C-alpha atoms as a PDB file:
ATOM      1  CA  MET A   1      16.278  -6.044   1.119  1.00  0.00           C
ATOM      2  CA  TYR A   2      18.962  -8.823   1.261  1.00  0.00           C
ATOM      3  CA  ASN A   3      18.819 -11.369   3.935  1.00  0.00           C
ATOM      4  CA  THR A   4      21.996  -9.576   5.606  1.00  0.00           C
ATOM      5  CA  GLU A   5      20.394  -6.235   5.347  1.00  0.00           C
ATOM      6  CA  MET A   6      17.116  -7.418   6.576  1.00  0.00           C
ATOM      7  CA  ASP A   7      19.199  -9.223  10.008  1.00  0.00           C
ATOM      8  CA  GLU A   8      20.626  -5.937  10.884  1.00  0.00           C
ATOM      9  CA  ALA A   9      17.354  -4.021  10.530  1.00  0.00           C
ATOM     10  CA  LEU A  10      15.608  -6.544  12.411  1.00  0.00           C
ATOM     11  CA  LYS A  11      18.727  -6.454  15.024  1.00  0.00           C
ATOM     12  CA  VAL A  12      18.284  -2.494  15.213  1.00  0.00           C
ATOM     13  CA  ILE A  13      14.427  -3.211  16.000  1.00  0.00           C
ATOM     14  CA  ASP A  14      14.915  -5.754  18.844  1.00  0.00           C
ATOM     15  CA  LYS A  15      17.961  -3.862  20.537  1.00  0.00           C
ATOM     16  CA  GLY A  16      18.328  -0.409  19.160  1.00  0.00           C
ATOM     17  CA  LEU A  17      20.960   1.645  17.868  1.00  0.00           C
ATOM     18  CA  LYS A  18      24.453   1.938  19.743  1.00  0.00           C
ATOM     19  CA  LYS A  19      24.220   4.533  22.196  1.00  0.00           C
ATOM     20  CA  THR A  20      25.847   8.205  21.412  1.00  0.00           C
ATOM     21  CA  ILE A  21      28.659   9.615  23.550  1.00  0.00           C
ATOM     22  CA  ASN A  22      28.108  12.892  21.363  1.00  0.00           C
ATOM     23  CA  PRO A  23      24.025  13.363  21.596  1.00  0.00           C
ATOM     24  CA  LYS A  24      22.802  15.470  18.827  1.00  0.00           C
ATOM     25  CA  GLN A  25      19.406  17.777  18.451  1.00  0.00           C
ATOM     26  CA  ILE A  26      17.613  16.360  15.976  1.00  0.00           C
ATOM     27  CA  ILE A  27      13.965  17.540  14.013  1.00  0.00           C
ATOM     28  CA  VAL A  28      12.026  14.740  12.694  1.00  0.00           C
ATOM     29  CA  VAL A  29       9.640  16.226  10.015  1.00  0.00           C
ATOM     30  CA  GLY A  30       6.165  13.966  10.655  1.00  0.00           C
ATOM     31  CA  ALA A  31       4.989  11.367  12.908  1.00  0.00           C
ATOM     32  CA  GLY A  32       3.753   8.855  10.379  1.00  0.00           C
ATOM     33  CA  MET A  33       5.421   5.499  10.495  1.00  0.00           C
ATOM     34  CA  ALA A  34       9.070   6.738   9.170  1.00  0.00           C
ATOM     35  CA  GLY A  35       9.162   9.210  11.461  1.00  0.00           C
ATOM     36  CA  LEU A  36       8.175   7.551  14.655  1.00  0.00           C
ATOM     37  CA  VAL A  37      10.700   4.517  13.782  1.00  0.00           C
ATOM     38  CA  SER A  38      13.491   7.202  13.260  1.00  0.00           C
ATOM     39  CA  ALA A  39      12.753   9.486  16.315  1.00  0.00           C
ATOM     40  CA  SER A  40      12.224   6.321  18.277  1.00  0.00           C
ATOM     41  CA  LEU A  41      15.578   4.494  17.569  1.00  0.00           C
ATOM     42  CA  LEU A  42      17.433   8.047  18.051  1.00  0.00           C
ATOM     43  CA  LYS A  43      15.664   9.003  21.344  1.00  0.00           C
ATOM     44  CA  ALA A  44      16.942   5.395  22.770  1.00  0.00           C
ATOM     45  CA  ALA A  45      20.345   6.277  21.691  1.00  0.00           C
ATOM     46  CA  GLY A  46      20.684   9.130  23.420  1.00  0.00           C
ATOM     47  CA  HIS A  47      19.735  11.936  21.120  1.00  0.00           C
ATOM     48  CA  ASP A  48      17.603  15.237  21.913  1.00  0.00           C
ATOM     49  CA  VAL A  49      14.433  14.579  19.359  1.00  0.00           C
ATOM     50  CA  LYS A  50      11.662  16.842  18.290  1.00  0.00           C
ATOM     51  CA  ILE A  51       8.859  15.553  15.890  1.00  0.00           C
ATOM     52  CA  PHE A  52       7.161  18.319  13.847  1.00  0.00           C
ATOM     53  CA  GLU A  53       3.662  16.743  13.044  1.00  0.00           C
ATOM     54  CA  ALA A  54       0.998  18.835  10.769  1.00  0.00           C
ATOM     55  CA  ASN A  55      -1.661  17.133  11.940  1.00  0.00           C
ATOM     56  CA  ASN A  56      -3.226  16.565  15.541  1.00  0.00           C
ATOM     57  CA  ARG A  57      -2.281  12.864  15.504  1.00  0.00           C
ATOM     58  CA  VAL A  58       0.227  10.147  14.990  1.00  0.00           C
ATOM     59  CA  GLY A  59       0.360   7.623  12.122  1.00  0.00           C
ATOM     60  CA  GLY A  60       0.404   9.561   8.716  1.00  0.00           C
ATOM     61  CA  ARG A  61      -1.606   7.494   6.057  1.00  0.00           C
ATOM     62  CA  ILE A  62      -2.645   5.124   8.913  1.00  0.00           C
ATOM     63  CA  GLU A  63      -5.871   6.427  10.440  1.00  0.00           C
ATOM     64  CA  THR A  64      -8.909   4.672  12.175  1.00  0.00           C
ATOM     65  CA  VAL A  65     -12.172   5.681  12.870  1.00  0.00           C
ATOM     66  CA  ARG A  66     -14.174   4.578  15.959  1.00  0.00           C
ATOM     67  CA  MET A  67     -17.838   4.535  17.135  1.00  0.00           C
ATOM     68  CA  GLU A  68     -16.890   4.672  20.852  1.00  0.00           C
ATOM     69  CA  ASP A  69     -20.849   3.794  21.438  1.00  0.00           C
ATOM     70  CA  THR A  70     -21.023   0.868  19.435  1.00  0.00           C
ATOM     71  CA  GLY A  71     -17.148  -0.363  19.518  1.00  0.00           C
ATOM     72  CA  LEU A  72     -16.951  -0.386  16.081  1.00  0.00           C
ATOM     73  CA  TYR A  73     -14.036   0.970  14.058  1.00  0.00           C
ATOM     74  CA  LEU A  74     -12.851   1.358  10.298  1.00  0.00           C
ATOM     75  CA  ASP A  75      -9.553   1.623   9.050  1.00  0.00           C
ATOM     76  CA  VAL A  76      -9.800   4.880   6.606  1.00  0.00           C
ATOM     77  CA  GLY A  77      -6.091   4.972   5.828  1.00  0.00           C
ATOM     78  CA  ALA A  78      -3.861   1.780   5.425  1.00  0.00           C
ATOM     79  CA  MET A  79      -6.040  -1.036   5.856  1.00  0.00           C
ATOM     80  CA  ARG A  80      -3.961  -4.394   5.366  1.00  0.00           C
ATOM     81  CA  ILE A  81      -0.215  -5.021   6.193  1.00  0.00           C
ATOM     82  CA  PRO A  82       1.167  -7.943   4.058  1.00  0.00           C
ATOM     83  CA  TYR A  83       2.772 -10.614   6.201  1.00  0.00           C
ATOM     84  CA  SER A  84       5.976 -10.314   4.003  1.00  0.00           C
ATOM     85  CA  HIS A  85       6.670  -6.858   5.293  1.00  0.00           C
ATOM     86  CA  THR A  86       8.825  -8.271   8.027  1.00  0.00           C
ATOM     87  CA  LEU A  87       9.674  -5.047   9.646  1.00  0.00           C
ATOM     88  CA  THR A  88       6.439  -3.879   9.990  1.00  0.00           C
ATOM     89  CA  MET A  89       5.675  -7.064  11.251  1.00  0.00           C
ATOM     90  CA  ALA A  90       8.820  -7.182  13.871  1.00  0.00           C
ATOM     91  CA  TYR A  91       7.405  -3.773  15.306  1.00  0.00           C
ATOM     92  CA  ILE A  92       3.697  -5.173  15.860  1.00  0.00           C
ATOM     93  CA  ARG A  93       5.331  -8.321  17.371  1.00  0.00           C
ATOM     94  CA  LYS A  94       7.530  -6.003  19.584  1.00  0.00           C
ATOM     95  CA  PHE A  95       4.418  -4.025  20.800  1.00  0.00           C
ATOM     96  CA  GLY A  96       2.175  -7.362  21.517  1.00  0.00           C
ATOM     97  CA  LEU A  97      -0.377  -6.378  19.046  1.00  0.00           C
ATOM     98  CA  GLN A  98      -2.887  -9.010  17.951  1.00  0.00           C
ATOM     99  CA  VAL A  99      -3.166  -9.360  14.158  1.00  0.00           C
ATOM    100  CA  SER A 100      -6.142 -11.170  12.154  1.00  0.00           C
ATOM    101  CA  PRO A 101      -6.233 -12.495   8.404  1.00  0.00           C
ATOM    102  CA  PHE A 102      -7.437  -9.906   6.257  1.00  0.00           C
ATOM    103  CA  ILE A 103      -9.967 -10.838   3.433  1.00  0.00           C
ATOM    104  CA  ASN A 104      -9.569  -8.920   0.433  1.00  0.00           C
ATOM    105  CA  ARG A 105     -12.560 -10.703  -1.141  1.00  0.00           C
ATOM    106  CA  ASN A 106     -14.865 -13.605  -1.029  1.00  0.00           C
ATOM    107  CA  GLU A 107     -17.818 -14.908  -3.255  1.00  0.00           C
ATOM    108  CA  THR A 108     -20.428 -13.277  -1.444  1.00  0.00           C
ATOM    109  CA  ASP A 109     -19.271  -9.984  -2.055  1.00  0.00           C
ATOM    110  CA  ILE A 110     -22.011  -7.551  -3.181  1.00  0.00           C
ATOM    111  CA  ILE A 111     -21.710  -6.467  -6.968  1.00  0.00           C
ATOM    112  CA  TYR A 112     -24.047  -2.974  -7.658  1.00  0.00           C
ATOM    113  CA  VAL A 113     -23.414  -1.695 -11.712  1.00  0.00           C
ATOM    114  CA  ASN A 114     -25.568  -0.805 -14.306  1.00  0.00           C
ATOM    115  CA  GLY A 115     -28.638  -1.250 -12.124  1.00  0.00           C
ATOM    116  CA  ARG A 116     -27.961  -4.684 -11.487  1.00  0.00           C
ATOM    117  CA  LYS A 117     -27.437  -6.521  -8.253  1.00  0.00           C
ATOM    118  CA  THR A 118     -25.487  -9.530  -7.693  1.00  0.00           C
ATOM    119  CA  THR A 119     -22.445 -11.496  -5.762  1.00  0.00           C
ATOM    120  CA  LEU A 120     -19.088 -12.226  -6.703  1.00  0.00           C
ATOM    121  CA  LYS A 121     -19.818 -16.049  -7.112  1.00  0.00           C
ATOM    122  CA  GLN A 122     -22.799 -15.130  -9.561  1.00  0.00           C
ATOM    123  CA  TYR A 123     -20.855 -13.008 -11.732  1.00  0.00           C
ATOM    124  CA  GLU A 124     -17.698 -15.096 -12.152  1.00  0.00           C
ATOM    125  CA  LYS A 125     -20.380 -17.888 -13.025  1.00  0.00           C
ATOM    126  CA  ASP A 126     -21.882 -15.409 -15.651  1.00  0.00           C
ATOM    127  CA  PRO A 127     -20.224 -12.299 -16.398  1.00  0.00           C
ATOM    128  CA  SER A 128     -23.010 -11.160 -18.701  1.00  0.00           C
ATOM    129  CA  ILE A 129     -25.179 -10.840 -15.945  1.00  0.00           C
ATOM    130  CA  LEU A 130     -23.826  -6.931 -15.441  1.00  0.00           C
ATOM    131  CA  ARG A 131     -24.577  -6.435 -19.247  1.00  0.00           C
ATOM    132  CA  TYR A 132     -21.718  -4.847 -19.980  1.00  0.00           C
ATOM    133  CA  PRO A 133     -21.979  -4.749 -24.044  1.00  0.00           C
ATOM    134  CA  VAL A 134     -18.582  -6.113 -24.603  1.00  0.00           C
ATOM    135  CA  GLU A 135     -17.074  -7.134 -28.228  1.00  0.00           C
ATOM    136  CA  MET A 136     -18.017 -11.078 -28.851  1.00  0.00           C
ATOM    137  CA  ASN A 137     -14.527 -12.117 -28.054  1.00  0.00           C
ATOM    138  CA  GLU A 138     -14.782 -10.591 -24.806  1.00  0.00           C
ATOM    139  CA  VAL A 139     -17.888 -12.425 -23.627  1.00  0.00           C
ATOM    140  CA  GLY A 140     -18.151 -14.694 -21.356  1.00  0.00           C
ATOM    141  CA  LYS A 141     -15.044 -13.697 -19.220  1.00  0.00           C
ATOM    142  CA  THR A 142     -14.708 -11.484 -16.084  1.00  0.00           C
ATOM    143  CA  SER A 143     -12.790  -8.176 -15.786  1.00  0.00           C
ATOM    144  CA  GLU A 144      -9.891  -9.731 -13.985  1.00  0.00           C
ATOM    145  CA  GLU A 145      -9.540 -12.417 -16.772  1.00  0.00           C
ATOM    146  CA  LEU A 146      -9.444  -9.781 -19.197  1.00  0.00           C
ATOM    147  CA  LEU A 147      -7.229  -7.495 -17.428  1.00  0.00           C
ATOM    148  CA  LEU A 148      -4.820 -10.959 -17.117  1.00  0.00           C
ATOM    149  CA  LEU A 149      -5.024 -11.278 -20.672  1.00  0.00           C
ATOM    150  CA  ALA A 150      -3.352  -8.119 -21.057  1.00  0.00           C
ATOM    151  CA  VAL A 151      -0.932  -8.163 -18.127  1.00  0.00           C
ATOM    152  CA  GLN A 152       0.065 -11.662 -17.427  1.00  0.00           C
ATOM    153  CA  PRO A 153       2.566 -11.892 -19.959  1.00  0.00           C
ATOM    154  CA  ILE A 154       4.640  -9.234 -18.759  1.00  0.00           C
ATOM    155  CA  ILE A 155       4.196 -10.283 -15.122  1.00  0.00           C
ATOM    156  CA  ASN A 156       5.343 -13.553 -16.059  1.00  0.00           C
ATOM    157  CA  PHE A 157       8.395 -11.989 -18.069  1.00  0.00           C
ATOM    158  CA  ILE A 158       9.324 -10.083 -14.845  1.00  0.00           C
ATOM    159  CA  LYS A 159       9.069 -13.177 -12.829  1.00  0.00           C
ATOM    160  CA  ARG A 160      11.740 -15.146 -14.848  1.00  0.00           C
ATOM    161  CA  ASN A 161      14.353 -12.371 -13.657  1.00  0.00           C
ATOM    162  CA  PRO A 162      13.076  -9.493 -11.502  1.00  0.00           C
ATOM    163  CA  GLU A 163      16.261  -8.055 -11.036  1.00  0.00           C
ATOM    164  CA  LYS A 164      17.099  -7.366 -14.816  1.00  0.00           C
ATOM    165  CA  ASN A 165      13.180  -7.679 -16.207  1.00  0.00           C
ATOM    166  CA  TRP A 166      11.844  -4.878 -14.484  1.00  0.00           C
ATOM    167  CA  ASP A 167      14.081  -2.378 -16.030  1.00  0.00           C
ATOM    168  CA  VAL A 168      13.070  -3.491 -19.511  1.00  0.00           C
ATOM    169  CA  VAL A 169       9.734  -3.190 -18.760  1.00  0.00           C
ATOM    170  CA  VAL A 170      10.086   0.412 -17.175  1.00  0.00           C
ATOM    171  CA  LYS A 171      12.063   1.169 -20.536  1.00  0.00           C
ATOM    172  CA  ASP A 172       9.067  -0.220 -22.638  1.00  0.00           C
ATOM    173  CA  PHE A 173       6.202   0.778 -20.767  1.00  0.00           C
ATOM    174  CA  GLY A 174       6.921   3.708 -18.785  1.00  0.00           C
ATOM    175  CA  ARG A 175       5.577   6.003 -21.328  1.00  0.00           C
ATOM    176  CA  TYR A 176       2.057   4.698 -20.809  1.00  0.00           C
ATOM    177  CA  SER A 177      -0.906   5.508 -18.407  1.00  0.00           C
ATOM    178  CA  THR A 178      -2.917   2.421 -17.578  1.00  0.00           C
ATOM    179  CA  GLY A 179      -5.722   3.766 -19.584  1.00  0.00           C
ATOM    180  CA  GLN A 180      -3.403   4.101 -22.496  1.00  0.00           C
ATOM    181  CA  PHE A 181      -2.006   0.402 -21.983  1.00  0.00           C
ATOM    182  CA  LEU A 182      -5.390  -1.095 -22.009  1.00  0.00           C
ATOM    183  CA  LYS A 183      -6.322   1.296 -25.293  1.00  0.00           C
ATOM    184  CA  TYR A 184      -3.514   0.903 -27.261  1.00  0.00           C
ATOM    185  CA  HIS A 185      -1.695  -1.980 -26.303  1.00  0.00           C
ATOM    186  CA  PRO A 186      -3.324  -5.566 -28.155  1.00  0.00           C
ATOM    187  CA  TYR A 187      -3.996  -8.118 -25.418  1.00  0.00           C
ATOM    188  CA  GLN A 188      -4.170 -11.352 -27.628  1.00  0.00           C
ATOM    189  CA  TYR A 189      -3.757 -11.882 -30.991  1.00  0.00           C
ATOM    190  CA  ASN A 190      -3.779  -8.322 -32.184  1.00  0.00           C
ATOM    191  CA  THR A 191      -6.985  -7.486 -30.241  1.00  0.00           C
ATOM    192  CA  TYR A 192      -7.342  -4.314 -28.447  1.00  0.00           C
ATOM    193  CA  PHE A 193      -9.862  -3.601 -25.609  1.00  0.00           C
ATOM    194  CA  SER A 194     -13.108  -2.018 -26.395  1.00  0.00           C
ATOM    195  CA  PRO A 195     -13.865   1.396 -24.321  1.00  0.00           C
ATOM    196  CA  VAL A 196     -16.545  -0.450 -22.929  1.00  0.00           C
ATOM    197  CA  THR A 197     -14.244  -3.379 -21.624  1.00  0.00           C
ATOM    198  CA  ILE A 198     -11.866  -0.746 -20.274  1.00  0.00           C
ATOM    199  CA  GLU A 199     -14.532   1.097 -18.317  1.00  0.00           C
ATOM    200  CA  MET A 200     -15.756  -2.582 -17.045  1.00  0.00           C
ATOM    201  CA  ILE A 201     -12.406  -3.431 -15.801  1.00  0.00           C
ATOM    202  CA  GLY A 202     -12.007   0.071 -13.976  1.00  0.00           C
ATOM    203  CA  VAL A 203     -15.210  -0.401 -12.236  1.00  0.00           C
ATOM    204  CA  LEU A 204     -15.242  -3.717 -11.035  1.00  0.00           C
ATOM    205  CA  LEU A 205     -11.723  -4.184 -10.304  1.00  0.00           C
ATOM    206  CA  ASP A 206     -11.360  -0.735  -8.300  1.00  0.00           C
ATOM    207  CA  LEU A 207      -8.967   0.580 -10.610  1.00  0.00           C
ATOM    208  CA  GLU A 208     -10.837   3.639 -12.268  1.00  0.00           C
ATOM    209  CA  GLY A 209      -8.452   6.039 -10.088  1.00  0.00           C
ATOM    210  CA  PHE A 210      -5.555   3.820 -11.463  1.00  0.00           C
ATOM    211  CA  LEU A 211      -6.668   4.357 -15.356  1.00  0.00           C
ATOM    212  CA  GLU A 212      -4.651   7.790 -15.074  1.00  0.00           C
ATOM    213  CA  ARG A 213      -1.710   6.508 -13.149  1.00  0.00           C
ATOM    214  CA  SER A 214       1.418   5.055 -14.760  1.00  0.00           C
ATOM    215  CA  PHE A 215       0.968   1.745 -15.953  1.00  0.00           C
ATOM    216  CA  VAL A 216       4.131   0.498 -14.481  1.00  0.00           C
ATOM    217  CA  GLU A 217       3.089   1.637 -10.677  1.00  0.00           C
ATOM    218  CA  THR A 218      -0.412  -0.397 -11.602  1.00  0.00           C
ATOM    219  CA  LEU A 219       1.505  -3.220 -13.012  1.00  0.00           C
ATOM    220  CA  ARG A 220       3.739  -3.258  -9.623  1.00  0.00           C
ATOM    221  CA  PHE A 221       0.627  -3.204  -7.589  1.00  0.00           C
ATOM    222  CA  LEU A 222      -0.546  -6.183  -9.558  1.00  0.00           C
ATOM    223  CA  TYR A 223       2.877  -7.948  -9.285  1.00  0.00           C
ATOM    224  CA  ILE A 224       2.818  -7.825  -5.638  1.00  0.00           C
ATOM    225  CA  MET A 225      -0.841  -8.868  -4.821  1.00  0.00           C
ATOM    226  CA  GLN A 226       0.144 -12.283  -6.846  1.00  0.00           C
ATOM    227  CA  GLU A 227       3.610 -12.499  -4.922  1.00  0.00           C
ATOM    228  CA  GLU A 228       2.135 -11.745  -1.820  1.00  0.00           C
ATOM    229  CA  SER A 229       1.377 -14.861   0.377  1.00  0.00           C
ATOM    230  CA  GLY A 230      -1.418 -12.949   2.444  1.00  0.00           C
ATOM    231  CA  PHE A 231      -2.440  -9.676   4.276  1.00  0.00           C
ATOM    232  CA  CYS A 232      -3.676  -9.061   8.150  1.00  0.00           C
ATOM    233  CA  GLU A 233      -4.850  -6.242   9.825  1.00  0.00           C
ATOM    234  CA  ILE A 234      -4.425  -5.328  13.820  1.00  0.00           C
ATOM    235  CA  VAL A 235      -7.271  -6.397  15.859  1.00  0.00           C
ATOM    236  CA  GLY A 236      -8.566  -3.075  17.085  1.00  0.00           C
ATOM    237  CA  GLY A 237      -7.294  -1.020  14.170  1.00  0.00           C
ATOM    238  CA  ASN A 238      -4.371  -0.530  12.612  1.00  0.00           C
ATOM    239  CA  ASP A 239      -3.750   2.679  14.206  1.00  0.00           C
ATOM    240  CA  ARG A 240      -2.644   0.883  17.283  1.00  0.00           C
ATOM    241  CA  LEU A 241       0.934   0.630  15.814  1.00  0.00           C
ATOM    242  CA  PRO A 242       1.739   3.997  15.462  1.00  0.00           C
ATOM    243  CA  LYS A 243      -0.208   4.881  18.695  1.00  0.00           C
ATOM    244  CA  SER A 244       2.272   2.325  20.498  1.00  0.00           C
ATOM    245  CA  PHE A 245       5.205   4.363  20.031  1.00  0.00           C
ATOM    246  CA  LEU A 246       3.290   7.414  21.865  1.00  0.00           C
ATOM    247  CA  PRO A 247       4.079   6.138  25.661  1.00  0.00           C
ATOM    248  CA  GLN A 248       8.197   6.657  24.376  1.00  0.00           C
ATOM    249  CA  LEU A 249       7.787   9.583  22.021  1.00  0.00           C
ATOM    250  CA  GLU A 250       4.509  11.699  23.414  1.00  0.00           C
ATOM    251  CA  GLU A 251       6.624  14.314  25.174  1.00  0.00           C
ATOM    252  CA  ASN A 252       8.669  14.837  21.705  1.00  0.00           C
ATOM    253  CA  ILE A 253       5.879  15.339  19.673  1.00  0.00           C
ATOM    254  CA  ILE A 254       4.966  19.212  18.463  1.00  0.00           C
ATOM    255  CA  TYR A 255       1.284  19.104  16.799  1.00  0.00           C
ATOM    256  CA  ASN A 256      -0.376  20.969  14.347  1.00  0.00           C
ATOM    257  CA  GLN A 257       3.307  22.311  13.084  1.00  0.00           C
ATOM    258  CA  LYS A 258       3.492  22.483   9.285  1.00  0.00           C
ATOM    259  CA  LEU A 259       7.226  22.798   8.171  1.00  0.00           C
ATOM    260  CA  MET A 260       6.892  25.605   5.544  1.00  0.00           C
ATOM    261  CA  LYS A 261      10.465  26.237   5.026  1.00  0.00           C
ATOM    262  CA  LEU A 262      14.052  25.380   6.090  1.00  0.00           C
ATOM    263  CA  HIS A 263      17.400  27.760   7.075  1.00  0.00           C
ATOM    264  CA  GLN A 264      20.712  26.138   6.886  1.00  0.00           C
ATOM    265  CA  HIS A 265      23.254  27.972   8.572  1.00  0.00           C
ATOM    266  CA  ASP A 266      26.944  27.509  10.021  1.00  0.00           C
ATOM    267  CA  ASN A 267      26.074  26.538  12.909  1.00  0.00           C
ATOM    268  CA  GLY A 268      22.683  24.447  12.612  1.00  0.00           C
ATOM    269  CA  VAL A 269      19.122  24.574  10.865  1.00  0.00           C
ATOM    270  CA  THR A 270      16.358  26.624  11.608  1.00  0.00           C
END
């Protein structure tokens, strides 16, 4: 989003949309963040808004589970917020929510693989401790180091001119799944990853579920992780953000209503 567009969006969050002189009846499908923001702005502008939500809660993919007796909680949906997500951070400030840094990893993280238990620090010092039977040219390298051998040249190419080079990358690699890319694309000196190494990368970097996904999508994730200046989480649970819209919107939300079909007529939509 360009600076002028960002400035306009921030102004809307701060001051709202222009008040309407011709209020409409508006249906918003879903009480996730997009639906809540849209409904909030439209209602404040004077429109008659109803939100149909299939679940019995707001937040969409933002969900927090709490143990009321201990005060413990776990974000089982969206768990971290990039500081660079300017509009999200603007709403967090608007609602007066406190955030704390989200720690993606640290050297005391526990790894248990192949019947071996160790820490991230120990693994990075001696990758062979997990006893993966990798090829000789892969010995002594962590899963992250091996993955970066394959993807870092592409990421560096994108960084030189993101607006132009992303299109080139999509054209060249859009047909690959992540697993196919790792299997068939030489990462160095016409050397290919062994099946064991691909398994190791998937397990240790939590990419097992990504191996069947588009390589371009995985690349976007890795690119963002490198570019991102840091992440935070909302103290008390990330669902405090969507729930902050409820004082304004609770009366407008109809829960447990799944939209199955729309019929458009000359005079409206049902």
